[in-house]
N, C-alpha and C. Protein backbone atom coordinates (compact mmCIF):
# COMPACT_ATOMS: atom_id res chain seq x y z
N MET A 1 -27.93 -57.67 5.86
CA MET A 1 -26.89 -58.30 6.79
C MET A 1 -27.20 -59.84 6.82
N THR A 2 -26.24 -60.47 6.79
CA THR A 2 -26.57 -62.00 6.75
C THR A 2 -26.45 -62.72 8.40
N SER A 3 -27.34 -63.69 8.32
CA SER A 3 -27.16 -64.47 9.54
C SER A 3 -27.22 -65.71 9.59
N SER A 4 -27.12 -66.44 10.70
CA SER A 4 -27.13 -67.96 10.46
C SER A 4 -28.23 -68.65 9.89
N SER A 5 -29.33 -68.00 9.67
CA SER A 5 -30.74 -68.27 9.28
C SER A 5 -30.82 -67.86 7.76
N SER A 6 -30.07 -66.97 7.30
CA SER A 6 -30.05 -66.54 5.94
C SER A 6 -29.82 -67.54 5.05
N LYS A 7 -30.33 -67.45 3.73
CA LYS A 7 -30.03 -68.37 2.62
C LYS A 7 -29.43 -67.57 1.26
N LEU A 8 -28.71 -68.25 0.64
CA LEU A 8 -28.03 -67.62 -0.74
C LEU A 8 -28.28 -68.82 -1.47
N GLU A 9 -29.71 -68.80 -2.27
CA GLU A 9 -29.67 -69.74 -3.44
C GLU A 9 -28.79 -69.46 -4.51
N GLY A 10 -28.73 -70.79 -5.06
CA GLY A 10 -27.92 -70.88 -6.37
C GLY A 10 -27.04 -72.00 -6.60
N ALA A 11 -27.08 -73.05 -5.68
CA ALA A 11 -26.04 -74.08 -5.81
C ALA A 11 -26.61 -74.98 -6.94
N CYS A 12 -27.61 -74.94 -7.46
CA CYS A 12 -28.46 -75.61 -8.51
C CYS A 12 -27.27 -75.38 -9.90
N ILE A 13 -26.39 -74.25 -9.93
CA ILE A 13 -25.58 -74.23 -10.93
C ILE A 13 -24.67 -75.41 -11.18
N THR A 14 -24.56 -76.08 -10.25
CA THR A 14 -23.80 -77.39 -10.39
C THR A 14 -24.41 -78.34 -11.38
N ARG A 15 -25.90 -78.17 -11.47
CA ARG A 15 -26.48 -78.78 -12.55
C ARG A 15 -26.58 -78.34 -13.92
N GLU A 16 -26.90 -76.96 -13.72
CA GLU A 16 -27.25 -76.18 -14.68
C GLU A 16 -26.08 -75.49 -15.67
N GLN A 17 -24.98 -75.33 -15.03
CA GLN A 17 -23.80 -74.92 -15.70
C GLN A 17 -23.88 -73.61 -16.50
N PHE A 18 -23.11 -73.18 -17.38
CA PHE A 18 -23.10 -71.99 -18.06
C PHE A 18 -24.07 -72.09 -19.40
N LEU A 19 -24.45 -72.97 -19.73
CA LEU A 19 -25.47 -73.26 -21.17
C LEU A 19 -25.49 -71.87 -22.12
N LEU A 20 -24.47 -71.36 -22.53
CA LEU A 20 -24.54 -70.43 -23.62
C LEU A 20 -25.10 -70.95 -24.77
N ARG A 21 -24.84 -72.19 -25.28
CA ARG A 21 -25.22 -72.62 -26.59
C ARG A 21 -26.89 -72.90 -26.47
N GLU A 22 -27.18 -73.45 -25.45
CA GLU A 22 -28.79 -73.60 -25.10
C GLU A 22 -29.47 -72.35 -24.82
N THR A 23 -28.91 -71.56 -24.46
CA THR A 23 -29.88 -70.34 -24.09
C THR A 23 -29.69 -69.43 -25.33
N ARG A 24 -28.61 -69.41 -26.11
CA ARG A 24 -28.71 -68.93 -27.38
C ARG A 24 -29.92 -69.67 -28.44
N VAL A 25 -29.98 -70.85 -28.27
CA VAL A 25 -31.21 -71.49 -28.94
C VAL A 25 -32.63 -70.88 -28.55
N VAL A 26 -32.59 -70.68 -27.11
CA VAL A 26 -34.00 -70.29 -26.74
C VAL A 26 -34.00 -68.92 -27.03
N ALA A 27 -33.28 -68.10 -26.90
CA ALA A 27 -33.29 -66.50 -27.26
C ALA A 27 -33.59 -66.47 -28.63
N ARG A 28 -33.29 -67.21 -29.46
CA ARG A 28 -33.45 -67.02 -30.99
C ARG A 28 -35.12 -67.47 -30.98
N LEU A 29 -35.45 -68.29 -30.43
CA LEU A 29 -36.76 -68.57 -30.72
C LEU A 29 -37.91 -67.61 -30.32
N ARG A 30 -37.48 -67.02 -29.08
CA ARG A 30 -38.34 -65.97 -28.31
C ARG A 30 -38.21 -64.99 -29.53
N ALA A 31 -36.98 -64.43 -30.17
CA ALA A 31 -36.94 -63.34 -31.03
C ALA A 31 -38.06 -63.66 -31.99
N GLU A 32 -38.31 -64.71 -32.45
CA GLU A 32 -39.51 -65.08 -33.51
C GLU A 32 -40.89 -64.88 -32.94
N GLY A 33 -40.90 -64.61 -31.74
CA GLY A 33 -42.21 -64.45 -31.08
C GLY A 33 -42.93 -65.41 -30.43
N LEU A 34 -42.14 -66.43 -30.15
CA LEU A 34 -42.89 -67.54 -29.33
C LEU A 34 -42.89 -67.28 -27.81
N GLY A 35 -44.06 -67.78 -27.49
CA GLY A 35 -44.22 -67.60 -26.00
C GLY A 35 -43.23 -68.69 -25.07
N ASP A 36 -43.13 -68.55 -23.88
CA ASP A 36 -42.42 -69.62 -22.93
C ASP A 36 -42.70 -70.78 -23.34
N GLU A 37 -43.69 -71.17 -23.07
CA GLU A 37 -44.41 -72.71 -23.15
C GLU A 37 -43.97 -73.11 -24.54
N GLN A 38 -44.21 -72.16 -25.82
CA GLN A 38 -44.17 -72.75 -27.08
C GLN A 38 -42.65 -72.81 -27.16
N VAL A 39 -41.67 -72.14 -26.64
CA VAL A 39 -40.36 -72.24 -26.79
C VAL A 39 -40.06 -73.66 -26.30
N ILE A 40 -40.33 -73.85 -25.19
CA ILE A 40 -39.95 -75.02 -24.47
C ILE A 40 -40.48 -76.39 -25.11
N ASP A 41 -41.70 -76.31 -25.75
CA ASP A 41 -42.45 -77.27 -26.61
C ASP A 41 -41.44 -77.74 -27.78
N LYS A 42 -41.30 -76.19 -28.36
CA LYS A 42 -40.55 -76.71 -29.77
C LYS A 42 -39.09 -77.25 -29.52
N VAL A 43 -38.28 -76.74 -28.44
CA VAL A 43 -36.90 -77.10 -28.23
C VAL A 43 -37.26 -78.64 -27.81
N ALA A 44 -38.22 -78.76 -27.08
CA ALA A 44 -38.19 -80.35 -26.66
C ALA A 44 -38.83 -81.39 -27.92
N SER A 45 -39.87 -80.75 -28.59
CA SER A 45 -40.32 -81.74 -30.05
C SER A 45 -39.27 -81.90 -30.86
N GLU A 46 -38.38 -81.01 -30.89
CA GLU A 46 -37.45 -81.06 -32.10
C GLU A 46 -35.84 -81.43 -31.69
N ASN A 47 -35.90 -81.46 -30.14
CA ASN A 47 -34.51 -81.80 -29.51
C ASN A 47 -33.53 -80.73 -30.19
N LEU A 48 -33.67 -79.37 -30.03
CA LEU A 48 -32.94 -78.55 -30.58
C LEU A 48 -31.69 -78.53 -29.77
N ILE A 49 -31.40 -78.65 -28.46
CA ILE A 49 -30.30 -78.74 -27.93
C ILE A 49 -29.59 -79.94 -27.78
N GLN A 50 -30.29 -81.00 -28.18
CA GLN A 50 -29.44 -82.25 -28.40
C GLN A 50 -29.07 -82.90 -26.91
N TYR A 51 -30.19 -83.24 -26.15
CA TYR A 51 -29.98 -83.75 -24.82
C TYR A 51 -30.73 -85.10 -25.02
N PRO A 52 -30.09 -85.89 -24.10
CA PRO A 52 -30.60 -87.51 -24.44
C PRO A 52 -32.06 -87.80 -24.38
N THR A 53 -32.57 -87.10 -23.09
CA THR A 53 -33.91 -87.11 -22.82
C THR A 53 -34.94 -86.13 -22.78
N ASP A 54 -36.18 -86.32 -22.94
CA ASP A 54 -37.30 -85.11 -23.00
C ASP A 54 -37.40 -84.53 -21.98
N HIS A 55 -37.01 -85.43 -20.62
CA HIS A 55 -37.14 -84.49 -19.40
C HIS A 55 -35.89 -83.61 -19.33
N MET A 56 -34.79 -84.12 -19.64
CA MET A 56 -33.45 -83.06 -19.77
C MET A 56 -33.91 -81.96 -20.74
N VAL A 57 -34.21 -82.11 -21.68
CA VAL A 57 -34.44 -81.15 -22.77
C VAL A 57 -35.34 -80.09 -22.19
N ARG A 58 -36.74 -80.45 -21.50
CA ARG A 58 -37.55 -79.57 -20.82
C ARG A 58 -36.93 -78.87 -19.83
N ASN A 59 -36.29 -79.54 -19.20
CA ASN A 59 -35.60 -78.92 -17.74
C ASN A 59 -34.55 -77.69 -18.27
N ILE A 60 -33.69 -78.02 -19.19
CA ILE A 60 -32.69 -77.08 -19.64
C ILE A 60 -33.61 -75.91 -20.14
N ALA A 61 -34.24 -76.21 -21.10
CA ALA A 61 -34.96 -75.27 -21.78
C ALA A 61 -35.83 -74.19 -20.94
N SER A 62 -36.32 -74.83 -19.80
CA SER A 62 -36.90 -73.92 -18.62
C SER A 62 -35.89 -73.19 -17.95
N VAL A 63 -34.78 -73.90 -17.68
CA VAL A 63 -33.70 -73.03 -17.15
C VAL A 63 -33.13 -71.66 -18.05
N CYS A 64 -33.16 -72.06 -19.26
CA CYS A 64 -32.85 -70.76 -20.11
C CYS A 64 -33.76 -69.77 -20.13
N VAL A 65 -35.16 -70.30 -20.50
CA VAL A 65 -36.24 -69.19 -20.24
C VAL A 65 -36.30 -68.46 -18.79
N LYS A 66 -35.79 -68.97 -17.80
CA LYS A 66 -36.01 -68.46 -16.51
C LYS A 66 -34.58 -67.39 -16.56
N ARG A 67 -33.77 -67.80 -16.98
CA ARG A 67 -32.31 -66.58 -17.22
C ARG A 67 -32.68 -65.77 -18.02
N LEU A 68 -33.47 -65.81 -19.12
CA LEU A 68 -33.80 -64.76 -20.09
C LEU A 68 -34.59 -63.84 -19.45
N ASN A 69 -35.85 -64.37 -18.76
CA ASN A 69 -36.61 -63.53 -18.15
C ASN A 69 -36.13 -62.82 -16.87
N ALA A 70 -35.02 -63.30 -16.22
CA ALA A 70 -34.44 -62.43 -15.26
C ALA A 70 -33.72 -61.36 -15.79
N LEU A 71 -33.25 -61.39 -17.30
CA LEU A 71 -32.59 -59.97 -17.79
C LEU A 71 -33.53 -59.08 -17.76
N SER A 72 -34.75 -59.11 -18.19
CA SER A 72 -35.66 -58.14 -18.41
C SER A 72 -35.25 -57.01 -19.18
N ASN A 73 -34.47 -57.12 -20.25
CA ASN A 73 -33.97 -56.17 -21.00
C ASN A 73 -33.88 -56.91 -22.65
N PRO A 74 -34.55 -56.34 -23.45
CA PRO A 74 -34.14 -56.93 -24.99
C PRO A 74 -32.94 -56.99 -25.36
N THR A 75 -32.38 -55.83 -25.15
CA THR A 75 -31.02 -55.56 -25.79
C THR A 75 -30.29 -56.72 -25.58
N LEU A 76 -30.12 -57.17 -24.07
CA LEU A 76 -29.27 -58.37 -23.81
C LEU A 76 -29.85 -59.51 -24.16
N GLU A 77 -31.20 -59.70 -24.13
CA GLU A 77 -31.67 -60.97 -24.96
C GLU A 77 -31.09 -60.93 -26.48
N SER A 78 -30.95 -60.10 -26.90
CA SER A 78 -30.80 -59.93 -28.63
C SER A 78 -29.28 -60.34 -28.50
N VAL A 79 -28.46 -59.78 -27.68
CA VAL A 79 -26.91 -59.94 -27.91
C VAL A 79 -26.61 -61.49 -27.64
N ILE A 80 -27.52 -62.17 -26.71
CA ILE A 80 -27.37 -63.55 -26.44
C ILE A 80 -27.97 -64.44 -27.64
N ALA A 81 -28.96 -63.88 -28.36
CA ALA A 81 -29.49 -64.36 -29.80
C ALA A 81 -28.46 -64.44 -30.73
N ARG A 82 -28.28 -63.17 -30.90
CA ARG A 82 -27.55 -62.94 -32.27
C ARG A 82 -25.98 -62.57 -31.95
N GLY A 83 -25.70 -61.89 -30.96
CA GLY A 83 -24.52 -61.59 -30.71
C GLY A 83 -23.31 -62.21 -30.98
N GLU A 84 -22.09 -61.43 -30.93
CA GLU A 84 -20.79 -62.03 -31.07
C GLU A 84 -20.65 -62.99 -29.91
N PRO A 85 -19.90 -64.02 -30.01
CA PRO A 85 -19.86 -65.23 -28.73
C PRO A 85 -19.16 -64.45 -27.60
N GLU A 86 -18.22 -63.71 -27.73
CA GLU A 86 -17.92 -63.35 -26.34
C GLU A 86 -18.76 -62.33 -25.75
N ALA A 87 -19.53 -61.14 -26.40
CA ALA A 87 -20.65 -60.39 -25.86
C ALA A 87 -21.79 -61.29 -25.60
N ALA A 88 -22.15 -62.43 -26.20
CA ALA A 88 -22.96 -63.40 -25.88
C ALA A 88 -22.91 -63.95 -24.42
N ALA A 89 -21.60 -64.47 -24.42
CA ALA A 89 -21.18 -64.99 -23.04
C ALA A 89 -21.19 -64.16 -21.88
N GLN A 90 -20.86 -62.62 -21.97
CA GLN A 90 -20.83 -61.76 -20.95
C GLN A 90 -22.31 -61.41 -20.72
N ALA A 91 -23.36 -61.55 -21.81
CA ALA A 91 -24.54 -61.19 -21.42
C ALA A 91 -24.88 -62.41 -20.64
N ASN A 92 -24.72 -63.71 -20.99
CA ASN A 92 -25.05 -65.07 -20.42
C ASN A 92 -24.91 -64.99 -18.83
N LEU A 93 -23.50 -64.53 -18.68
CA LEU A 93 -22.97 -64.53 -17.32
C LEU A 93 -23.76 -63.47 -16.41
N TYR A 94 -23.95 -62.53 -17.11
CA TYR A 94 -24.94 -61.36 -16.25
C TYR A 94 -26.24 -61.93 -16.17
N ALA A 95 -26.98 -62.78 -16.95
CA ALA A 95 -28.28 -63.36 -16.72
C ALA A 95 -27.98 -64.40 -15.42
N MET A 96 -26.95 -65.14 -15.34
CA MET A 96 -26.84 -66.04 -14.30
C MET A 96 -26.64 -65.21 -13.09
N MET A 97 -26.03 -63.90 -12.99
CA MET A 97 -25.85 -62.87 -11.82
C MET A 97 -27.32 -62.84 -11.41
N ARG A 98 -28.23 -62.65 -12.33
CA ARG A 98 -29.52 -62.03 -11.98
C ARG A 98 -30.42 -63.25 -11.57
N THR A 99 -30.06 -64.41 -11.87
CA THR A 99 -30.72 -65.55 -11.53
C THR A 99 -30.41 -66.30 -10.31
N TYR A 100 -29.00 -66.25 -10.10
CA TYR A 100 -28.72 -67.07 -9.02
C TYR A 100 -27.96 -66.10 -7.96
N PRO A 101 -28.51 -65.72 -6.87
CA PRO A 101 -27.82 -64.96 -5.84
C PRO A 101 -26.42 -65.35 -5.39
N LEU A 102 -26.13 -66.66 -5.47
CA LEU A 102 -24.54 -67.19 -5.20
C LEU A 102 -23.70 -66.62 -6.19
N VAL A 103 -23.91 -66.76 -7.45
CA VAL A 103 -23.24 -66.12 -8.73
C VAL A 103 -23.01 -64.58 -8.23
N ARG A 104 -24.13 -63.89 -8.34
CA ARG A 104 -23.74 -62.63 -7.91
C ARG A 104 -22.83 -62.23 -6.76
N ASP A 105 -23.04 -62.95 -5.75
CA ASP A 105 -22.23 -62.89 -4.68
C ASP A 105 -20.76 -63.15 -4.81
N PHE A 106 -20.55 -64.15 -5.75
CA PHE A 106 -19.18 -64.40 -5.96
C PHE A 106 -18.67 -63.20 -6.92
N MET A 107 -19.50 -62.93 -8.04
CA MET A 107 -18.98 -61.88 -9.00
C MET A 107 -18.61 -60.55 -8.29
N GLU A 108 -19.63 -59.96 -7.29
CA GLU A 108 -19.56 -58.79 -6.67
C GLU A 108 -18.54 -58.80 -5.58
N ALA A 109 -18.47 -59.99 -4.49
CA ALA A 109 -17.57 -60.07 -3.66
C ALA A 109 -16.12 -60.19 -3.84
N VAL A 110 -15.69 -61.11 -4.83
CA VAL A 110 -14.61 -61.68 -5.40
C VAL A 110 -14.14 -61.09 -6.62
N VAL A 111 -14.66 -61.08 -7.73
CA VAL A 111 -14.26 -60.72 -9.05
C VAL A 111 -13.98 -59.19 -8.75
N ALA A 112 -15.28 -58.65 -8.57
CA ALA A 112 -15.15 -57.12 -8.55
C ALA A 112 -14.15 -56.52 -7.49
N ARG A 113 -13.69 -56.96 -6.62
CA ARG A 113 -12.86 -56.67 -5.79
C ARG A 113 -11.45 -56.72 -6.28
N GLN A 114 -11.22 -57.79 -6.62
CA GLN A 114 -9.98 -58.01 -7.49
C GLN A 114 -9.61 -56.93 -8.37
N TYR A 115 -10.68 -56.58 -9.33
CA TYR A 115 -10.53 -55.68 -10.51
C TYR A 115 -10.17 -54.41 -9.79
N GLU A 116 -11.15 -53.91 -8.66
CA GLU A 116 -10.86 -52.65 -8.41
C GLU A 116 -9.77 -52.59 -7.52
N GLU A 117 -9.29 -53.48 -6.87
CA GLU A 117 -7.81 -53.39 -6.10
C GLU A 117 -6.65 -53.70 -7.07
N ARG A 118 -7.11 -53.68 -8.53
CA ARG A 118 -5.94 -54.06 -9.45
C ARG A 118 -4.82 -55.27 -9.03
N ASP A 119 -5.68 -56.09 -8.42
CA ASP A 119 -4.85 -57.40 -8.19
C ASP A 119 -5.68 -58.60 -8.92
N LEU A 120 -4.91 -58.94 -10.11
CA LEU A 120 -5.49 -59.62 -11.20
C LEU A 120 -5.19 -61.15 -10.67
N THR A 121 -5.37 -61.55 -9.60
CA THR A 121 -5.19 -63.05 -8.98
C THR A 121 -6.60 -63.70 -8.47
N LEU A 122 -6.94 -64.82 -8.93
CA LEU A 122 -8.05 -65.42 -8.76
C LEU A 122 -7.49 -67.01 -8.73
N GLY A 123 -7.00 -67.43 -7.60
CA GLY A 123 -6.46 -68.88 -7.56
C GLY A 123 -7.08 -69.65 -6.45
N LYS A 124 -6.66 -70.62 -5.89
CA LYS A 124 -7.21 -71.46 -4.85
C LYS A 124 -7.59 -70.37 -3.61
N ARG A 125 -6.72 -69.70 -3.35
CA ARG A 125 -6.73 -68.94 -1.83
C ARG A 125 -7.92 -68.29 -1.76
N GLU A 126 -8.13 -67.31 -3.17
CA GLU A 126 -9.41 -66.30 -3.26
C GLU A 126 -10.52 -67.21 -3.31
N MET A 127 -10.59 -68.33 -4.20
CA MET A 127 -11.78 -69.24 -4.06
C MET A 127 -12.36 -69.72 -3.04
N ASN A 128 -11.13 -70.35 -2.18
CA ASN A 128 -11.41 -71.07 -0.90
C ASN A 128 -12.05 -70.02 0.24
N ALA A 129 -11.27 -68.61 0.18
CA ALA A 129 -11.76 -67.83 1.05
C ALA A 129 -13.24 -67.33 0.92
N TRP A 130 -13.52 -67.20 -0.40
CA TRP A 130 -15.09 -66.92 -0.71
C TRP A 130 -15.81 -67.96 -0.06
N VAL A 131 -15.48 -69.44 -0.25
CA VAL A 131 -16.37 -70.48 0.20
C VAL A 131 -16.50 -70.22 1.63
N THR A 132 -15.42 -70.22 2.50
CA THR A 132 -15.35 -70.02 4.08
C THR A 132 -16.26 -69.34 4.42
N ARG A 133 -16.36 -68.02 3.69
CA ARG A 133 -17.02 -66.88 4.17
C ARG A 133 -18.49 -67.05 3.86
N VAL A 134 -18.96 -67.54 2.80
CA VAL A 134 -20.53 -67.93 2.45
C VAL A 134 -20.94 -69.27 3.39
N ARG A 135 -19.83 -70.03 3.56
CA ARG A 135 -20.47 -71.03 4.45
C ARG A 135 -20.82 -70.69 5.85
N GLY A 136 -20.00 -69.31 6.32
CA GLY A 136 -20.08 -68.86 7.68
C GLY A 136 -21.20 -68.06 7.74
N ASP A 137 -21.70 -67.59 6.44
CA ASP A 137 -22.70 -66.32 6.58
C ASP A 137 -24.16 -67.18 6.08
N TYR A 138 -24.21 -68.21 5.45
CA TYR A 138 -25.47 -68.80 4.82
C TYR A 138 -25.53 -70.02 5.26
N ASP A 139 -26.75 -70.42 6.01
CA ASP A 139 -26.64 -71.75 6.63
C ASP A 139 -27.02 -72.90 5.68
N ASN A 140 -27.60 -72.57 4.33
CA ASN A 140 -27.92 -73.72 3.57
C ASN A 140 -26.66 -74.16 2.68
N ILE A 141 -25.93 -72.84 2.63
CA ILE A 141 -24.37 -73.27 1.83
C ILE A 141 -23.51 -73.99 2.87
N ALA A 142 -23.54 -73.82 4.01
CA ALA A 142 -22.82 -74.47 5.10
C ALA A 142 -23.12 -76.08 4.83
N LYS A 143 -24.52 -76.05 4.99
CA LYS A 143 -24.77 -77.75 4.56
C LYS A 143 -24.41 -78.27 3.60
N LEU A 144 -23.78 -77.70 2.24
CA LEU A 144 -23.51 -78.45 1.23
C LEU A 144 -22.16 -79.19 1.47
N SER A 145 -22.16 -80.18 0.71
CA SER A 145 -20.74 -80.96 0.90
C SER A 145 -19.57 -80.41 0.18
N ASP A 146 -18.44 -80.89 0.51
CA ASP A 146 -17.17 -80.37 0.05
C ASP A 146 -17.19 -80.54 -1.44
N ALA A 147 -17.53 -81.88 -1.89
CA ALA A 147 -17.57 -82.04 -3.20
C ALA A 147 -18.80 -81.07 -3.92
N THR A 148 -19.69 -80.98 -3.41
CA THR A 148 -20.51 -79.72 -4.18
C THR A 148 -20.07 -78.52 -4.32
N MET A 149 -19.37 -78.07 -3.26
CA MET A 149 -18.69 -76.59 -3.25
C MET A 149 -17.49 -76.58 -4.42
N THR A 150 -16.84 -77.83 -4.47
CA THR A 150 -15.77 -77.77 -5.44
C THR A 150 -16.41 -77.82 -6.89
N LYS A 151 -17.48 -78.29 -7.11
CA LYS A 151 -18.19 -78.15 -8.30
C LYS A 151 -18.77 -76.83 -8.60
N VAL A 152 -19.03 -76.04 -7.39
CA VAL A 152 -19.80 -74.74 -7.72
C VAL A 152 -18.49 -73.93 -7.94
N LYS A 153 -17.23 -73.87 -7.42
CA LYS A 153 -16.21 -73.38 -7.96
C LYS A 153 -15.75 -73.63 -9.27
N GLN A 154 -15.84 -74.75 -9.74
CA GLN A 154 -15.59 -75.18 -11.17
C GLN A 154 -16.25 -74.53 -12.15
N VAL A 155 -17.79 -74.42 -11.61
CA VAL A 155 -18.52 -73.95 -12.59
C VAL A 155 -18.24 -72.22 -12.99
N LEU A 156 -18.17 -71.51 -11.71
CA LEU A 156 -17.75 -70.32 -11.56
C LEU A 156 -16.64 -70.08 -12.38
N ARG A 157 -15.61 -70.65 -12.00
CA ARG A 157 -14.47 -70.32 -12.97
C ARG A 157 -14.37 -70.55 -14.50
N ASN A 158 -15.32 -71.69 -14.72
CA ASN A 158 -15.55 -72.11 -16.11
C ASN A 158 -16.40 -70.97 -16.95
N ALA A 159 -17.22 -70.26 -16.27
CA ALA A 159 -17.97 -69.02 -16.53
C ALA A 159 -17.01 -67.95 -17.01
N LEU A 160 -16.26 -67.79 -16.20
CA LEU A 160 -15.28 -66.73 -16.44
C LEU A 160 -14.18 -67.01 -17.54
N VAL A 161 -13.89 -68.35 -17.66
CA VAL A 161 -13.09 -68.72 -19.16
C VAL A 161 -14.14 -68.49 -20.32
N HIS A 162 -15.23 -68.91 -20.10
CA HIS A 162 -16.12 -68.23 -21.34
C HIS A 162 -16.17 -66.92 -21.92
N CYS A 163 -15.99 -66.00 -20.70
CA CYS A 163 -16.12 -64.80 -20.94
C CYS A 163 -14.77 -64.07 -21.08
N GLY A 164 -13.69 -64.86 -21.34
CA GLY A 164 -12.42 -64.21 -21.41
C GLY A 164 -12.03 -63.59 -20.24
N MET A 165 -12.37 -63.91 -18.93
CA MET A 165 -11.80 -63.32 -17.72
C MET A 165 -10.96 -64.00 -17.22
N LEU A 166 -10.61 -65.33 -17.37
CA LEU A 166 -9.42 -66.23 -16.98
C LEU A 166 -9.13 -66.92 -18.35
N ARG A 167 -8.10 -67.01 -18.33
CA ARG A 167 -7.41 -67.77 -19.64
C ARG A 167 -7.86 -69.38 -19.78
N SER A 168 -7.76 -69.82 -18.56
CA SER A 168 -8.11 -71.55 -18.48
C SER A 168 -8.64 -71.78 -16.96
N SER A 169 -9.36 -72.84 -17.14
CA SER A 169 -10.14 -73.16 -15.55
C SER A 169 -8.95 -73.38 -14.72
N ARG A 170 -7.57 -73.74 -15.01
CA ARG A 170 -6.55 -73.75 -14.10
C ARG A 170 -5.74 -72.45 -13.91
N SER A 171 -6.09 -71.50 -14.52
CA SER A 171 -5.36 -70.27 -14.65
C SER A 171 -5.63 -69.55 -13.36
N SER A 172 -4.75 -68.62 -12.62
CA SER A 172 -5.02 -68.03 -11.44
C SER A 172 -5.01 -66.43 -11.76
N GLU A 173 -4.91 -65.99 -12.95
CA GLU A 173 -4.90 -64.50 -13.52
C GLU A 173 -6.05 -64.04 -14.07
N LEU A 174 -6.72 -63.14 -13.45
CA LEU A 174 -7.81 -62.38 -14.06
C LEU A 174 -7.38 -61.66 -15.29
N LEU A 175 -8.10 -61.84 -16.35
CA LEU A 175 -7.64 -60.94 -17.54
C LEU A 175 -8.36 -59.82 -17.51
N PRO A 176 -8.06 -58.58 -18.01
CA PRO A 176 -8.99 -57.44 -18.39
C PRO A 176 -9.88 -57.63 -19.29
N VAL A 177 -11.07 -57.13 -19.07
CA VAL A 177 -12.41 -57.28 -19.80
C VAL A 177 -12.58 -56.18 -20.82
N ALA A 178 -12.84 -56.43 -21.95
CA ALA A 178 -13.53 -55.69 -22.78
C ALA A 178 -14.92 -55.55 -23.08
N LEU A 179 -15.58 -55.07 -21.92
CA LEU A 179 -17.08 -55.45 -21.95
C LEU A 179 -17.63 -54.79 -23.12
N ASP A 180 -18.55 -55.70 -24.07
CA ASP A 180 -19.34 -55.20 -25.12
C ASP A 180 -20.20 -53.95 -24.65
N LEU A 181 -20.09 -52.70 -25.64
CA LEU A 181 -20.84 -51.74 -25.39
C LEU A 181 -22.32 -52.00 -25.13
N ASP A 182 -22.92 -52.82 -26.18
CA ASP A 182 -24.39 -53.10 -25.96
C ASP A 182 -24.52 -53.65 -24.50
N VAL A 183 -23.71 -54.58 -24.14
CA VAL A 183 -23.95 -55.14 -22.66
C VAL A 183 -23.77 -54.05 -21.69
N ARG A 184 -23.09 -53.47 -21.80
CA ARG A 184 -22.23 -52.33 -20.86
C ARG A 184 -23.62 -51.05 -20.67
N ASP A 185 -23.99 -50.70 -21.83
CA ASP A 185 -25.27 -49.68 -21.85
C ASP A 185 -26.42 -50.27 -21.35
N ALA A 186 -26.62 -51.73 -21.58
CA ALA A 186 -27.88 -52.34 -21.06
C ALA A 186 -28.03 -52.58 -19.65
N ILE A 187 -26.53 -52.79 -18.85
CA ILE A 187 -26.26 -52.86 -17.53
C ILE A 187 -26.47 -51.44 -16.99
N VAL A 188 -26.21 -50.30 -17.66
CA VAL A 188 -26.15 -49.13 -17.00
C VAL A 188 -27.63 -48.67 -16.94
N GLU A 189 -28.57 -49.02 -18.21
CA GLU A 189 -29.61 -48.66 -17.89
C GLU A 189 -30.42 -49.35 -17.04
N LEU A 190 -30.09 -50.66 -16.58
CA LEU A 190 -30.71 -51.43 -15.49
C LEU A 190 -30.34 -50.89 -14.12
N GLY A 191 -29.36 -49.89 -14.26
CA GLY A 191 -28.88 -49.40 -12.86
C GLY A 191 -28.11 -50.23 -11.89
N ASP A 192 -27.51 -51.19 -12.63
CA ASP A 192 -26.90 -52.23 -12.13
C ASP A 192 -25.30 -51.93 -11.76
N LYS A 193 -25.02 -51.17 -10.69
CA LYS A 193 -23.52 -50.82 -10.76
C LYS A 193 -22.85 -52.06 -10.25
N GLY A 194 -23.36 -53.04 -9.42
CA GLY A 194 -22.39 -53.90 -8.98
C GLY A 194 -22.07 -55.03 -10.11
N ALA A 195 -23.01 -55.09 -11.10
CA ALA A 195 -22.55 -55.96 -12.19
C ALA A 195 -21.38 -55.13 -13.00
N LEU A 196 -21.29 -53.90 -13.13
CA LEU A 196 -20.36 -53.36 -13.78
C LEU A 196 -18.91 -53.43 -13.31
N ARG A 197 -19.05 -53.25 -11.75
CA ARG A 197 -17.80 -53.43 -11.18
C ARG A 197 -17.28 -55.02 -11.32
N ALA A 198 -18.53 -55.83 -11.48
CA ALA A 198 -18.03 -57.26 -11.36
C ALA A 198 -17.37 -57.58 -12.72
N PHE A 199 -17.36 -57.12 -13.95
CA PHE A 199 -16.85 -56.91 -15.20
C PHE A 199 -15.69 -55.98 -15.25
N GLY A 200 -15.35 -55.35 -14.21
CA GLY A 200 -14.10 -54.60 -14.28
C GLY A 200 -14.65 -53.02 -15.13
N ALA A 201 -15.86 -52.96 -15.19
CA ALA A 201 -16.23 -51.76 -15.92
C ALA A 201 -16.41 -50.54 -15.12
N ALA A 202 -15.87 -49.34 -15.44
CA ALA A 202 -16.15 -47.96 -14.87
C ALA A 202 -17.82 -47.85 -14.40
N VAL A 203 -17.89 -47.31 -13.14
CA VAL A 203 -19.35 -47.00 -13.04
C VAL A 203 -19.70 -45.78 -12.99
N PRO A 204 -20.66 -45.25 -13.94
CA PRO A 204 -20.90 -43.85 -14.21
C PRO A 204 -21.39 -43.14 -12.94
N ARG A 205 -21.39 -42.05 -12.69
CA ARG A 205 -21.79 -41.42 -11.78
C ARG A 205 -23.22 -40.74 -11.88
């Protein structure tokens, strides 16, 4: 249960964004057997993600490592590293759900509900209603500026676009999801029913 003193971490996604390309680079290095610090050092020394400063490279590489560690599943990490682009995007969005409670809240409270109710509408009304609710339930979200929350909504919608769940960032129509079988099986293995619902997938009994 939430209260005025509760927190819902995750507004840092306004800086960190979707990062599929960057996370794929990091996942491929981990697949070669490099440890986390080795991965970060290699990405930074060779600027494998092509950011302008060493600080930015190391920061983003660290974010990618954090997301992959949050998955705790070699299959999902392999999908991100070498899978087809849409499957990798789905696994990356799931990694964000496991890393940022704010993303999980949105996916489970809004997207999953729309799929379950067969109401494939996700426009300003639905997004603003979610913002109003989390601001009322979580004190740290209530303190965020309108500009920050607008950016949060943009990042979330863009993530859905990357996964083929929205046609464009301006679209108000959710699209049916063809959840990659490897991604689905890994999520089932992890027992994460909320995530399956968020991707519009059937939950096994």
